[in-house]
N, C-alpha and C. Protein backbone atom coordinates (compact mmCIF):
# COMPACT_ATOMS: atom_id res chain seq x y z
N UNK A 1 0.84 -1.17 0.00
CA UNK A 1 0.00 0.00 0.00
C UNK A 1 0.90 1.25 0.00
N UNK A 2 0.53 2.22 -0.80
CA UNK A 2 1.31 3.45 -0.90
C UNK A 2 0.98 4.38 0.26
N UNK A 3 1.95 5.16 0.63
CA UNK A 3 1.72 6.16 1.67
C UNK A 3 0.95 7.33 1.07
N UNK A 4 0.35 8.15 1.93
CA UNK A 4 -0.35 9.35 1.45
C UNK A 4 0.61 10.25 0.69
N UNK A 5 1.82 10.35 1.16
CA UNK A 5 2.82 11.19 0.49
C UNK A 5 3.08 10.71 -0.93
N UNK A 6 3.23 9.37 -1.09
CA UNK A 6 3.46 8.81 -2.42
C UNK A 6 2.25 9.02 -3.33
N UNK A 7 1.05 8.78 -2.78
CA UNK A 7 -0.17 8.99 -3.57
C UNK A 7 -0.29 10.45 -3.99
N UNK A 8 -0.04 11.36 -3.07
CA UNK A 8 -0.11 12.79 -3.41
C UNK A 8 0.85 13.12 -4.54
N UNK A 9 2.07 12.67 -4.41
CA UNK A 9 3.08 12.96 -5.43
C UNK A 9 2.63 12.44 -6.81
N UNK A 10 2.13 11.21 -6.85
CA UNK A 10 1.69 10.62 -8.12
C UNK A 10 0.48 11.37 -8.69
N UNK A 11 -0.51 11.63 -7.85
CA UNK A 11 -1.73 12.28 -8.33
C UNK A 11 -1.49 13.73 -8.75
N UNK A 12 -0.61 14.40 -8.05
CA UNK A 12 -0.26 15.78 -8.45
C UNK A 12 0.40 15.76 -9.82
N UNK A 13 1.30 14.81 -10.04
CA UNK A 13 1.99 14.72 -11.34
C UNK A 13 0.99 14.43 -12.46
N UNK A 14 0.04 13.53 -12.20
CA UNK A 14 -0.98 13.21 -13.22
C UNK A 14 -1.83 14.44 -13.49
N UNK A 15 -2.27 15.09 -12.43
CA UNK A 15 -3.16 16.25 -12.58
C UNK A 15 -2.47 17.38 -13.34
N UNK A 16 -1.22 17.63 -13.06
CA UNK A 16 -0.51 18.70 -13.74
C UNK A 16 -0.22 18.38 -15.21
N UNK A 17 -0.28 17.11 -15.56
CA UNK A 17 -0.01 16.71 -16.95
C UNK A 17 -1.25 16.79 -17.85
N UNK A 18 -2.42 17.00 -17.24
CA UNK A 18 -3.65 17.08 -18.04
C UNK A 18 -3.63 18.39 -18.83
N UNK A 19 -3.81 18.32 -20.14
CA UNK A 19 -3.81 19.54 -20.97
C UNK A 19 -4.93 20.50 -20.55
N UNK A 20 -4.68 21.81 -20.62
CA UNK A 20 -5.68 22.80 -20.20
C UNK A 20 -7.04 22.65 -20.88
N UNK A 21 -7.06 22.28 -22.16
CA UNK A 21 -8.35 22.12 -22.83
C UNK A 21 -9.13 20.94 -22.26
N UNK A 22 -8.43 19.90 -21.84
CA UNK A 22 -9.09 18.75 -21.21
C UNK A 22 -9.58 19.13 -19.82
N UNK A 23 -8.78 19.90 -19.08
CA UNK A 23 -9.22 20.38 -17.76
C UNK A 23 -10.51 21.18 -17.92
N UNK A 24 -10.55 22.07 -18.90
CA UNK A 24 -11.73 22.91 -19.11
C UNK A 24 -12.95 22.06 -19.46
N UNK A 25 -12.78 21.10 -20.34
CA UNK A 25 -13.90 20.24 -20.76
C UNK A 25 -14.40 19.39 -19.60
N UNK A 26 -13.48 18.77 -18.88
CA UNK A 26 -13.89 17.93 -17.76
C UNK A 26 -14.50 18.77 -16.64
N UNK A 27 -13.95 19.95 -16.41
CA UNK A 27 -14.50 20.84 -15.38
C UNK A 27 -15.93 21.24 -15.72
N UNK A 28 -16.18 21.52 -17.00
CA UNK A 28 -17.54 21.89 -17.43
C UNK A 28 -18.51 20.73 -17.22
N UNK A 29 -18.08 19.52 -17.55
CA UNK A 29 -18.93 18.35 -17.36
C UNK A 29 -19.21 18.10 -15.88
N UNK A 30 -18.18 18.26 -15.05
CA UNK A 30 -18.34 18.09 -13.60
C UNK A 30 -19.30 19.15 -13.06
N UNK A 31 -19.15 20.38 -13.52
CA UNK A 31 -20.04 21.47 -13.09
C UNK A 31 -21.49 21.16 -13.49
N UNK A 32 -21.69 20.67 -14.71
CA UNK A 32 -23.04 20.33 -15.15
C UNK A 32 -23.66 19.28 -14.23
N UNK A 33 -22.89 18.26 -13.89
CA UNK A 33 -23.38 17.20 -13.00
C UNK A 33 -23.73 17.77 -11.63
N UNK A 34 -22.86 18.60 -11.09
CA UNK A 34 -23.12 19.19 -9.78
C UNK A 34 -24.36 20.07 -9.82
N UNK A 35 -24.48 20.90 -10.82
CA UNK A 35 -25.63 21.81 -10.91
C UNK A 35 -26.95 21.05 -11.02
N UNK A 36 -26.92 19.88 -11.64
CA UNK A 36 -28.12 19.06 -11.78
C UNK A 36 -28.42 18.23 -10.53
N UNK A 37 -27.44 18.07 -9.66
CA UNK A 37 -27.57 17.16 -8.52
C UNK A 37 -28.00 17.82 -7.22
N UNK A 38 -28.02 19.13 -7.18
CA UNK A 38 -28.31 19.84 -5.94
C UNK A 38 -29.59 20.66 -6.12
N UNK A 39 -30.42 20.68 -5.08
CA UNK A 39 -31.61 21.54 -5.09
C UNK A 39 -31.17 22.94 -4.67
N UNK A 40 -30.69 23.71 -5.62
CA UNK A 40 -30.10 25.02 -5.34
C UNK A 40 -31.11 26.01 -4.77
N UNK A 41 -32.38 25.83 -5.06
CA UNK A 41 -33.40 26.75 -4.53
C UNK A 41 -33.49 26.66 -3.00
N UNK A 42 -33.03 25.55 -2.44
CA UNK A 42 -33.09 25.37 -0.98
C UNK A 42 -31.79 25.79 -0.28
N UNK A 43 -30.80 26.22 -1.03
CA UNK A 43 -29.49 26.56 -0.48
C UNK A 43 -29.42 28.05 -0.19
N UNK A 44 -28.93 28.39 1.00
CA UNK A 44 -28.73 29.79 1.37
C UNK A 44 -27.26 30.17 1.35
N UNK A 45 -26.40 29.23 1.76
CA UNK A 45 -24.97 29.53 1.85
C UNK A 45 -24.15 28.41 1.22
N UNK A 46 -23.18 28.83 0.44
CA UNK A 46 -22.31 27.90 -0.27
C UNK A 46 -20.87 28.31 -0.04
N UNK A 47 -20.05 27.36 0.35
CA UNK A 47 -18.61 27.58 0.43
C UNK A 47 -18.00 26.70 -0.64
N UNK A 48 -17.24 27.30 -1.54
CA UNK A 48 -16.65 26.55 -2.65
C UNK A 48 -15.20 27.00 -2.83
N UNK A 49 -14.32 26.03 -2.97
CA UNK A 49 -12.91 26.37 -3.12
C UNK A 49 -12.67 27.15 -4.40
N UNK A 50 -11.65 27.94 -4.37
CA UNK A 50 -11.22 28.71 -5.54
C UNK A 50 -10.10 27.92 -6.20
N UNK A 51 -10.36 27.39 -7.37
CA UNK A 51 -9.38 26.54 -8.04
C UNK A 51 -8.17 27.34 -8.50
N UNK A 52 -7.06 26.62 -8.61
CA UNK A 52 -5.80 27.21 -9.06
C UNK A 52 -5.46 26.56 -10.40
N UNK A 53 -5.50 27.35 -11.46
CA UNK A 53 -5.27 26.80 -12.80
C UNK A 53 -3.94 26.07 -12.92
N UNK A 54 -2.89 26.62 -12.34
CA UNK A 54 -1.56 26.00 -12.44
C UNK A 54 -1.51 24.63 -11.78
N UNK A 55 -2.43 24.35 -10.90
CA UNK A 55 -2.45 23.06 -10.21
C UNK A 55 -3.29 22.03 -10.96
N UNK A 56 -4.00 22.44 -12.00
CA UNK A 56 -4.82 21.51 -12.77
C UNK A 56 -6.08 21.06 -12.06
N UNK A 57 -6.49 21.79 -11.03
CA UNK A 57 -7.69 21.42 -10.29
C UNK A 57 -8.93 21.53 -11.15
N UNK A 58 -10.00 20.85 -10.74
CA UNK A 58 -11.30 21.05 -11.37
C UNK A 58 -11.61 22.54 -11.19
N UNK A 59 -11.86 23.21 -12.29
CA UNK A 59 -12.05 24.66 -12.26
C UNK A 59 -13.39 25.03 -11.66
N UNK A 60 -13.34 25.95 -10.71
CA UNK A 60 -14.57 26.37 -10.05
C UNK A 60 -15.02 27.77 -10.43
N UNK A 61 -14.18 28.56 -11.08
CA UNK A 61 -14.57 29.91 -11.46
C UNK A 61 -15.85 29.95 -12.28
N UNK A 62 -15.92 29.18 -13.38
CA UNK A 62 -17.16 29.16 -14.17
C UNK A 62 -18.36 28.62 -13.38
N UNK A 63 -18.12 27.65 -12.51
CA UNK A 63 -19.19 27.09 -11.68
C UNK A 63 -19.74 28.15 -10.73
N UNK A 64 -18.84 28.88 -10.08
CA UNK A 64 -19.26 29.94 -9.17
C UNK A 64 -20.09 30.98 -9.93
N UNK A 65 -19.64 31.36 -11.11
CA UNK A 65 -20.36 32.35 -11.91
C UNK A 65 -21.76 31.84 -12.28
N UNK A 66 -21.87 30.57 -12.61
CA UNK A 66 -23.17 30.01 -12.97
C UNK A 66 -24.11 29.98 -11.77
N UNK A 67 -23.60 29.62 -10.60
CA UNK A 67 -24.44 29.61 -9.40
C UNK A 67 -24.91 31.02 -9.10
N UNK A 68 -23.99 31.97 -9.13
CA UNK A 68 -24.37 33.36 -8.83
C UNK A 68 -25.40 33.91 -9.82
N UNK A 69 -25.28 33.54 -11.09
CA UNK A 69 -26.21 34.04 -12.10
C UNK A 69 -27.60 33.40 -11.95
N UNK A 70 -27.64 32.10 -11.69
CA UNK A 70 -28.91 31.39 -11.62
C UNK A 70 -29.61 31.53 -10.27
N UNK A 71 -28.82 31.65 -9.20
CA UNK A 71 -29.38 31.71 -7.84
C UNK A 71 -28.71 32.84 -7.07
N UNK A 72 -29.05 34.08 -7.40
CA UNK A 72 -28.38 35.22 -6.76
C UNK A 72 -28.64 35.32 -5.26
N UNK A 73 -29.63 34.61 -4.75
CA UNK A 73 -29.91 34.65 -3.32
C UNK A 73 -28.91 33.83 -2.50
N UNK A 74 -28.11 33.00 -3.15
CA UNK A 74 -27.14 32.18 -2.43
C UNK A 74 -25.91 33.02 -2.11
N UNK A 75 -25.53 33.01 -0.84
CA UNK A 75 -24.30 33.67 -0.43
C UNK A 75 -23.14 32.72 -0.72
N UNK A 76 -22.26 33.12 -1.62
CA UNK A 76 -21.15 32.27 -2.05
C UNK A 76 -19.86 32.78 -1.42
N UNK A 77 -19.15 31.90 -0.75
CA UNK A 77 -17.88 32.23 -0.11
C UNK A 77 -16.80 31.32 -0.67
N UNK A 78 -15.62 31.89 -0.92
CA UNK A 78 -14.47 31.10 -1.38
C UNK A 78 -13.25 31.48 -0.56
N UNK A 79 -12.43 30.49 -0.19
CA UNK A 79 -11.21 30.80 0.54
C UNK A 79 -10.15 31.35 -0.41
N UNK A 80 -9.11 31.88 0.17
CA UNK A 80 -7.96 32.31 -0.62
C UNK A 80 -7.00 31.13 -0.70
N UNK A 81 -5.87 31.35 -1.35
CA UNK A 81 -4.84 30.30 -1.42
C UNK A 81 -3.91 30.33 -0.22
N UNK A 82 -4.05 31.33 0.64
CA UNK A 82 -3.14 31.49 1.78
C UNK A 82 -3.24 30.29 2.72
N UNK A 83 -2.09 29.78 3.09
CA UNK A 83 -2.05 28.63 3.98
C UNK A 83 -2.40 29.00 5.42
N UNK A 84 -2.26 30.28 5.76
CA UNK A 84 -2.49 30.70 7.14
C UNK A 84 -3.85 31.36 7.35
N UNK A 85 -4.75 31.20 6.41
CA UNK A 85 -6.06 31.83 6.56
C UNK A 85 -6.85 31.16 7.68
N UNK A 86 -7.71 31.92 8.34
CA UNK A 86 -8.50 31.34 9.43
C UNK A 86 -9.56 30.39 8.89
N UNK A 87 -9.92 29.44 9.70
CA UNK A 87 -11.00 28.52 9.36
C UNK A 87 -12.31 29.29 9.49
N UNK A 88 -13.17 29.24 8.48
CA UNK A 88 -14.45 29.95 8.58
C UNK A 88 -15.27 29.44 9.76
N UNK A 89 -15.93 30.36 10.44
CA UNK A 89 -16.76 29.97 11.59
C UNK A 89 -18.24 29.97 11.26
N UNK A 90 -18.62 30.56 10.13
CA UNK A 90 -20.03 30.56 9.72
C UNK A 90 -20.46 29.15 9.35
N UNK A 91 -21.75 28.89 9.45
CA UNK A 91 -22.30 27.60 9.04
C UNK A 91 -22.70 27.68 7.57
N UNK A 92 -22.47 26.61 6.85
CA UNK A 92 -22.79 26.56 5.43
C UNK A 92 -23.77 25.42 5.15
N UNK A 93 -24.61 25.64 4.15
CA UNK A 93 -25.53 24.58 3.71
C UNK A 93 -24.79 23.56 2.85
N UNK A 94 -23.92 24.05 1.97
CA UNK A 94 -23.16 23.19 1.07
C UNK A 94 -21.71 23.66 1.06
N UNK A 95 -20.80 22.69 1.12
CA UNK A 95 -19.37 22.99 1.03
C UNK A 95 -18.80 22.13 -0.10
N UNK A 96 -18.20 22.80 -1.08
CA UNK A 96 -17.58 22.10 -2.21
C UNK A 96 -16.07 22.15 -2.00
N UNK A 97 -15.47 20.98 -1.94
CA UNK A 97 -14.04 20.89 -1.62
C UNK A 97 -13.26 20.28 -2.78
N UNK A 98 -11.99 20.67 -2.89
CA UNK A 98 -11.14 20.04 -3.91
C UNK A 98 -10.75 18.64 -3.46
N UNK A 99 -10.58 17.77 -4.44
CA UNK A 99 -10.20 16.38 -4.16
C UNK A 99 -9.04 16.02 -5.07
N UNK A 100 -7.94 15.64 -4.46
CA UNK A 100 -6.80 15.15 -5.24
C UNK A 100 -7.00 13.68 -5.56
N UNK A 101 -7.49 12.93 -4.57
CA UNK A 101 -7.77 11.51 -4.73
C UNK A 101 -8.89 11.10 -3.80
N UNK A 102 -9.53 9.96 -4.10
CA UNK A 102 -10.61 9.47 -3.25
C UNK A 102 -10.70 7.96 -3.39
N UNK A 103 -11.40 7.32 -2.41
CA UNK A 103 -11.56 5.88 -2.47
C UNK A 103 -13.03 5.49 -2.36
N UNK A 104 -13.29 4.19 -2.34
CA UNK A 104 -14.66 3.69 -2.28
C UNK A 104 -15.41 4.15 -1.04
N UNK A 105 -14.70 4.37 0.05
CA UNK A 105 -15.32 4.78 1.30
C UNK A 105 -15.52 6.29 1.37
N UNK A 106 -15.27 6.97 0.26
CA UNK A 106 -15.43 8.43 0.16
C UNK A 106 -14.41 9.20 1.00
N UNK A 107 -13.32 8.56 1.29
CA UNK A 107 -12.25 9.30 1.95
C UNK A 107 -11.56 10.16 0.92
N UNK A 108 -11.28 11.39 1.30
CA UNK A 108 -10.71 12.38 0.40
C UNK A 108 -9.23 12.55 0.71
N UNK A 109 -8.44 12.59 -0.33
CA UNK A 109 -7.03 12.92 -0.19
C UNK A 109 -6.86 14.32 -0.77
N UNK A 110 -6.41 15.24 0.07
CA UNK A 110 -6.15 16.61 -0.37
C UNK A 110 -4.66 16.82 -0.51
N UNK A 111 -4.27 18.07 -0.48
CA UNK A 111 -2.85 18.40 -0.64
C UNK A 111 -2.04 18.22 0.64
N UNK A 112 -2.70 17.97 1.76
CA UNK A 112 -1.98 17.66 2.98
C UNK A 112 -1.84 18.79 3.97
N UNK A 113 -2.42 19.95 3.67
CA UNK A 113 -2.33 21.08 4.59
C UNK A 113 -3.29 21.00 5.75
N UNK A 114 -4.36 20.24 5.60
CA UNK A 114 -5.32 20.04 6.69
C UNK A 114 -6.41 21.10 6.81
N UNK A 115 -6.40 22.12 5.94
CA UNK A 115 -7.40 23.18 6.04
C UNK A 115 -8.81 22.61 5.99
N UNK A 116 -9.10 21.81 4.97
CA UNK A 116 -10.46 21.28 4.83
C UNK A 116 -10.79 20.25 5.90
N UNK A 117 -9.82 19.49 6.37
CA UNK A 117 -10.09 18.55 7.47
C UNK A 117 -10.58 19.32 8.69
N UNK A 118 -9.89 20.39 9.03
CA UNK A 118 -10.28 21.20 10.19
C UNK A 118 -11.61 21.90 9.95
N UNK A 119 -11.77 22.46 8.76
CA UNK A 119 -12.98 23.19 8.42
C UNK A 119 -14.21 22.27 8.45
N UNK A 120 -14.12 21.14 7.77
CA UNK A 120 -15.27 20.24 7.68
C UNK A 120 -15.65 19.64 9.03
N UNK A 121 -14.68 19.49 9.93
CA UNK A 121 -14.97 18.94 11.25
C UNK A 121 -15.98 19.80 12.01
N UNK A 122 -16.02 21.09 11.73
CA UNK A 122 -16.94 21.98 12.41
C UNK A 122 -18.21 22.27 11.63
N UNK A 123 -18.46 21.51 10.57
CA UNK A 123 -19.62 21.75 9.70
C UNK A 123 -20.48 20.49 9.59
N UNK A 124 -20.95 20.02 10.73
CA UNK A 124 -21.68 18.75 10.77
C UNK A 124 -22.94 18.74 9.92
N UNK A 125 -23.64 19.85 9.82
CA UNK A 125 -24.91 19.85 9.10
C UNK A 125 -24.78 20.20 7.61
N UNK A 126 -23.61 20.58 7.18
CA UNK A 126 -23.42 20.96 5.77
C UNK A 126 -23.33 19.72 4.89
N UNK A 127 -23.87 19.84 3.68
CA UNK A 127 -23.63 18.82 2.66
C UNK A 127 -22.23 19.06 2.12
N UNK A 128 -21.43 18.02 2.07
CA UNK A 128 -20.06 18.14 1.58
C UNK A 128 -19.95 17.45 0.24
N UNK A 129 -19.42 18.19 -0.73
CA UNK A 129 -19.30 17.67 -2.09
C UNK A 129 -17.86 17.86 -2.55
N UNK A 130 -17.23 16.78 -2.95
CA UNK A 130 -15.87 16.85 -3.47
C UNK A 130 -15.88 16.86 -4.99
N UNK A 131 -15.07 17.73 -5.58
CA UNK A 131 -14.95 17.77 -7.04
C UNK A 131 -13.65 17.10 -7.43
N UNK A 132 -13.76 16.14 -8.33
CA UNK A 132 -12.59 15.36 -8.71
C UNK A 132 -12.74 14.80 -10.11
N UNK A 133 -11.61 14.50 -10.71
CA UNK A 133 -11.59 13.79 -11.98
C UNK A 133 -11.79 12.30 -11.71
N UNK A 134 -12.32 11.58 -12.67
CA UNK A 134 -12.55 10.16 -12.46
C UNK A 134 -11.25 9.38 -12.27
N UNK A 135 -10.17 9.84 -12.88
CA UNK A 135 -8.89 9.12 -12.73
C UNK A 135 -8.31 9.27 -11.32
N UNK A 136 -8.90 10.13 -10.49
CA UNK A 136 -8.39 10.34 -9.13
C UNK A 136 -8.84 9.26 -8.16
N UNK A 137 -9.66 8.32 -8.63
CA UNK A 137 -10.09 7.20 -7.79
C UNK A 137 -8.88 6.34 -7.45
N UNK A 138 -8.72 6.06 -6.17
CA UNK A 138 -7.61 5.25 -5.69
C UNK A 138 -8.21 3.97 -5.12
N UNK A 139 -7.92 2.84 -5.74
CA UNK A 139 -8.52 1.57 -5.33
C UNK A 139 -8.03 1.11 -3.98
N UNK A 140 -6.78 1.36 -3.69
CA UNK A 140 -6.26 0.92 -2.39
C UNK A 140 -6.45 2.01 -1.36
N UNK A 141 -6.82 1.65 -0.16
CA UNK A 141 -7.10 2.65 0.85
C UNK A 141 -6.09 2.64 1.89
């Protein structure tokens, strides 16, 4: 079994190798699925990560714009890239998190900074949704 460090290193390399046009296409498809899967009319507050293009993450900028345009009543919050930012204390209805890797048990592998682990621990009532590419599935846990 690989260590988290080894998995992170491998998945980061794969993610960074995905061509930008493929990232854009897959991000759009993922956004479409998410937008169809949530009852947005019932959501008041949304916390969604701000993707970093250089990291090859599932892009959230267009998704955020679509949510704001279609449901302007939703308060949308996004963190910065700063590693020392405070953990939000407000309660959220939906939290969309970045996913570097995941397994069958829905365990999420992030970049290892622990921000989302700490944040999600205090958000018991929020729906948590991870955005990931299909190739990020890790069979071994």
